[in-house]
Structure formats: structure tokens, C-alpha cells
Amino acid sequence: MVRTWLADHADRIELRLLPPCSPELNPDELVNVDLKHSLPMSSRTRHQAQSPAVTRRFFHRRQRQPHIVRGYFDGLYIPCTLEEII
């Protein structure tokens, strides 16, 4: 189903492959590191119940900083075509 959808929407989507085992190149991991390093020690939660609010505030700030968000993706992906995946 996914291959069919991708083939039908090839003009609207670009596939990019991540290296199989390179967490330092994974945008998700880069966001996690950014979150952990961007919060001062005083802002880090001592109680699990506070974590969602602190995390939301961080991501709301990042939404207004597209240059930082773009940095998570700059030069990290290997462009590929649907044919290369299939």
C-alpha cells in the first residue's frame, strides 16, 4: 500500500534514506539532544508530571526558529528514488 501511495504521489514527496545506524545523523536524535542541552539545569523537571509542559514550551520556541529546525536536516539525508527503495 505504501509503495502504491508513494508512486501515486511521486511529484509531491521526496524520499530520503537515513544511514542504518548513525544516531548522530538522525533528525529525531538531534532534536532530543537540542532539547536536553537547551534547558538550563534550573528548568529541568524534578517531577515527571512537569515534563510535558516543559517540552511543549521548548517546541513552541523552536517553531519560531525555523533556521534551527532546518539545521536538524541540513545535509543529513541521502536523496533516493522510489525505484532505489523497491
C-alpha atoms as a PDB file:
ATOM      1  CA  MET A   1       0.000   0.000   0.000  1.00  0.00           C
ATOM      2  CA  VAL A   2       2.816   2.382   0.855  1.00  0.00           C
ATOM      3  CA  ARG A   3       4.639   1.782  -2.415  1.00  0.00           C
ATOM      4  CA  THR A   4       1.425   2.405  -4.352  1.00  0.00           C
ATOM      5  CA  TRP A   5       0.766   5.627  -2.453  1.00  0.00           C
ATOM      6  CA  LEU A   6       4.347   6.797  -2.997  1.00  0.00           C
ATOM      7  CA  ALA A   7       4.155   6.011  -6.707  1.00  0.00           C
ATOM      8  CA  ASP A   8       0.874   7.947  -6.994  1.00  0.00           C
ATOM      9  CA  HIS A   9       2.354  10.970  -5.179  1.00  0.00           C
ATOM     10  CA  ALA A  10       5.910  10.960  -6.557  1.00  0.00           C
ATOM     11  CA  ASP A  11       5.554  14.581  -7.652  1.00  0.00           C
ATOM     12  CA  ARG A  12       4.660  15.686  -4.105  1.00  0.00           C
ATOM     13  CA  ILE A  13       7.083  13.745  -1.933  1.00  0.00           C
ATOM     14  CA  GLU A  14      10.829  13.266  -1.825  1.00  0.00           C
ATOM     15  CA  LEU A  15      12.218  10.166  -0.178  1.00  0.00           C
ATOM     16  CA  ARG A  16      15.445  10.335   1.763  1.00  0.00           C
ATOM     17  CA  LEU A  17      17.184   7.448   3.407  1.00  0.00           C
ATOM     18  CA  LEU A  18      18.945   7.612   6.738  1.00  0.00           C
ATOM     19  CA  PRO A  19      22.030   5.556   7.396  1.00  0.00           C
ATOM     20  CA  PRO A  20      21.015   2.365   9.235  1.00  0.00           C
ATOM     21  CA  CYS A  21      22.958   3.001  12.426  1.00  0.00           C
ATOM     22  CA  SER A  22      24.005   6.621  12.761  1.00  0.00           C
ATOM     23  CA  PRO A  23      22.047   8.262  15.565  1.00  0.00           C
ATOM     24  CA  GLU A  24      24.173  11.408  15.225  1.00  0.00           C
ATOM     25  CA  LEU A  25      22.649  11.881  11.743  1.00  0.00           C
ATOM     26  CA  ASN A  26      19.054  11.147  12.742  1.00  0.00           C
ATOM     27  CA  PRO A  27      16.988  14.366  12.998  1.00  0.00           C
ATOM     28  CA  ASP A  28      14.924  12.855  15.838  1.00  0.00           C
ATOM     29  CA  GLU A  29      18.080  12.309  17.854  1.00  0.00           C
ATOM     30  CA  LEU A  30      19.317  15.815  17.057  1.00  0.00           C
ATOM     31  CA  VAL A  31      16.039  17.263  18.380  1.00  0.00           C
ATOM     32  CA  ASN A  32      16.377  15.220  21.576  1.00  0.00           C
ATOM     33  CA  VAL A  33      19.933  16.454  22.112  1.00  0.00           C
ATOM     34  CA  ASP A  34      18.841  20.036  21.410  1.00  0.00           C
ATOM     35  CA  LEU A  35      16.014  19.739  23.938  1.00  0.00           C
ATOM     36  CA  LYS A  36      18.304  18.351  26.636  1.00  0.00           C
ATOM     37  CA  HIS A  37      21.058  20.913  26.057  1.00  0.00           C
ATOM     38  CA  SER A  38      18.761  23.916  25.614  1.00  0.00           C
ATOM     39  CA  LEU A  39      17.158  23.649  29.002  1.00  0.00           C
ATOM     40  CA  PRO A  40      19.116  25.154  31.863  1.00  0.00           C
ATOM     41  CA  MET A  41      19.524  22.876  34.853  1.00  0.00           C
ATOM     42  CA  SER A  42      17.051  25.007  36.805  1.00  0.00           C
ATOM     43  CA  SER A  43      14.347  24.386  34.170  1.00  0.00           C
ATOM     44  CA  ARG A  44      14.742  20.641  34.120  1.00  0.00           C
ATOM     45  CA  THR A  45      11.876  18.928  35.800  1.00  0.00           C
ATOM     46  CA  ARG A  46      12.187  17.097  39.048  1.00  0.00           C
ATOM     47  CA  HIS A  47       8.767  15.517  38.644  1.00  0.00           C
ATOM     48  CA  GLN A  48       7.559  13.515  35.671  1.00  0.00           C
ATOM     49  CA  ALA A  49       4.259  15.432  35.631  1.00  0.00           C
ATOM     50  CA  GLN A  50       6.115  18.637  34.681  1.00  0.00           C
ATOM     51  CA  SER A  51       7.877  17.154  31.654  1.00  0.00           C
ATOM     52  CA  PRO A  52       5.100  17.633  29.072  1.00  0.00           C
ATOM     53  CA  ALA A  53       4.734  21.347  29.824  1.00  0.00           C
ATOM     54  CA  VAL A  54       8.500  21.989  29.694  1.00  0.00           C
ATOM     55  CA  THR A  55       8.783  20.044  26.443  1.00  0.00           C
ATOM     56  CA  ARG A  56       5.853  21.917  24.866  1.00  0.00           C
ATOM     57  CA  ARG A  57       7.424  25.274  25.750  1.00  0.00           C
ATOM     58  CA  PHE A  58      10.679  24.191  24.127  1.00  0.00           C
ATOM     59  CA  PHE A  59       8.935  23.133  20.896  1.00  0.00           C
ATOM     60  CA  HIS A  60       6.811  26.294  20.780  1.00  0.00           C
ATOM     61  CA  ARG A  61      10.041  28.305  20.903  1.00  0.00           C
ATOM     62  CA  ARG A  62      11.564  26.145  18.167  1.00  0.00           C
ATOM     63  CA  GLN A  63       8.515  26.720  15.926  1.00  0.00           C
ATOM     64  CA  ARG A  64       9.529  30.386  15.837  1.00  0.00           C
ATOM     65  CA  GLN A  65      13.133  29.463  14.950  1.00  0.00           C
ATOM     66  CA  PRO A  66      12.945  27.762  11.532  1.00  0.00           C
ATOM     67  CA  HIS A  67      16.667  28.275  10.948  1.00  0.00           C
ATOM     68  CA  ILE A  68      17.385  25.934  13.868  1.00  0.00           C
ATOM     69  CA  VAL A  69      14.814  23.366  12.741  1.00  0.00           C
ATOM     70  CA  ARG A  70      16.327  23.376   9.236  1.00  0.00           C
ATOM     71  CA  GLY A  71      19.680  22.658  10.829  1.00  0.00           C
ATOM     72  CA  TYR A  72      18.378  19.280  12.004  1.00  0.00           C
ATOM     73  CA  PHE A  73      18.042  18.279   8.362  1.00  0.00           C
ATOM     74  CA  ASP A  74      20.883  20.078   6.562  1.00  0.00           C
ATOM     75  CA  GLY A  75      22.972  17.641   4.601  1.00  0.00           C
ATOM     76  CA  LEU A  76      21.953  14.637   6.629  1.00  0.00           C
ATOM     77  CA  TYR A  77      19.941  12.691   4.131  1.00  0.00           C
ATOM     78  CA  ILE A  78      20.819  10.658   1.100  1.00  0.00           C
ATOM     79  CA  PRO A  79      18.353  11.520  -1.690  1.00  0.00           C
ATOM     80  CA  CYS A  80      16.836   8.481  -3.342  1.00  0.00           C
ATOM     81  CA  THR A  81      14.133   7.499  -5.742  1.00  0.00           C
ATOM     82  CA  LEU A  82      11.235   5.122  -5.263  1.00  0.00           C
ATOM     83  CA  GLU A  83      12.918   2.694  -7.658  1.00  0.00           C
ATOM     84  CA  GLU A  84      16.029   2.568  -5.464  1.00  0.00           C
ATOM     85  CA  ILE A  85      13.945   1.579  -2.444  1.00  0.00           C
ATOM     86  CA  ILE A  86      11.835  -1.021  -4.228  1.00  0.00           C
END
